Amino acid sequence: MSDKFLTVPHHTTGRKLPIPAASTTSIPSRCISPEKLNSLLNEKFPSGNYNVDVSQNVYQIRAPRHLSEV
C-alpha cells in the first residue's frame, strides 16, 4: 500500500491513527470523488477514527466497521 492518504481536517498531521478492530473497505476511486468520500467518512465516523490509503486508484479505508454502500 501507498503512504498517500486522503487529507481530512482532523488528520492534519498525515499520521495514521490506530483503529481498534478495524474493517477494511476497498472502493475504486472512479466510484466516488475525494470530496464525497471525505464527507461520507466524516458523517459516519465523526471522531475521525478511520484511515484512507490510495493505491492504484483504489481507496483502502480502515474503519471500525465495513462500509457497505457509498
Protein backbone atom coordinates (compact mmCIF):
# COMPACT_ATOMS: atom_id res chain seq x y z
CA MET A 1 0.00 0.00 0.00
CA SER A 2 0.98 3.55 -0.61
CA ASP A 3 1.73 6.06 2.12
CA LYS A 4 -0.63 8.54 0.46
CA PHE A 5 -3.86 9.24 2.27
CA LEU A 6 -6.89 11.38 1.82
CA THR A 7 -6.33 14.51 3.89
CA VAL A 8 -9.16 15.31 6.26
CA PRO A 9 -9.34 18.19 8.75
CA HIS A 10 -8.80 16.15 11.93
CA HIS A 11 -5.88 14.19 10.40
CA THR A 12 -3.75 17.22 9.64
CA THR A 13 -0.50 15.55 10.70
CA GLY A 14 -0.78 12.90 7.99
CA ARG A 15 -0.09 10.20 10.59
CA LYS A 16 -2.12 7.02 10.56
CA LEU A 17 -4.15 6.52 13.70
CA PRO A 18 -4.61 3.09 15.27
CA ILE A 19 -8.08 1.74 14.59
CA PRO A 20 -9.15 -0.93 17.08
CA ALA A 21 -10.94 -3.91 15.49
CA ALA A 22 -10.86 -2.22 12.10
CA SER A 23 -12.50 -3.45 8.96
CA THR A 24 -11.06 -2.62 5.53
CA THR A 25 -13.25 -1.49 2.66
CA SER A 26 -11.91 -1.06 -0.88
CA ILE A 27 -13.56 1.45 -3.21
CA PRO A 28 -12.33 2.23 -6.73
CA SER A 29 -11.60 5.97 -6.97
CA ARG A 30 -13.76 6.22 -10.12
CA CYS A 31 -16.82 5.39 -7.96
CA ILE A 32 -16.61 8.37 -5.58
CA SER A 33 -14.94 11.76 -5.57
CA PRO A 34 -12.46 12.60 -2.80
CA GLU A 35 -14.83 15.32 -1.55
CA LYS A 36 -17.80 12.96 -1.33
CA LEU A 37 -15.70 10.28 0.38
CA ASN A 38 -14.43 12.84 2.88
CA SER A 39 -18.00 13.96 3.67
CA LEU A 40 -19.22 10.38 3.99
CA LEU A 41 -16.42 9.34 6.35
CA ASN A 42 -16.84 12.45 8.50
CA GLU A 43 -20.57 11.72 8.74
CA LYS A 44 -20.14 8.01 9.55
CA PHE A 45 -17.12 8.41 11.85
CA PRO A 46 -17.25 11.92 13.40
CA SER A 47 -14.46 11.14 15.86
CA GLY A 48 -12.12 10.64 12.88
CA ASN A 49 -11.27 7.03 13.73
CA TYR A 50 -10.55 5.93 10.16
CA ASN A 51 -7.62 5.86 7.75
CA VAL A 52 -7.61 6.13 3.97
CA ASP A 53 -4.78 4.90 1.77
CA VAL A 54 -4.81 5.22 -2.01
CA SER A 55 -3.09 2.61 -4.10
CA GLN A 56 -3.55 2.00 -7.83
CA ASN A 57 -6.66 4.22 -7.95
CA VAL A 58 -8.39 2.33 -5.14
CA TYR A 59 -9.23 3.82 -1.75
CA GLN A 60 -8.42 1.41 1.10
CA ILE A 61 -10.50 2.57 4.06
CA ARG A 62 -9.82 1.22 7.55
CA ALA A 63 -12.65 2.00 9.92
CA PRO A 64 -14.41 0.44 12.92
CA ARG A 65 -16.96 -1.14 10.57
CA HIS A 66 -17.25 -2.08 6.90
CA LEU A 67 -18.79 0.47 4.56
CA SER A 68 -21.46 -1.42 2.66
CA GLU A 69 -22.68 1.31 0.30
CA VAL A 70 -21.28 4.63 -0.85
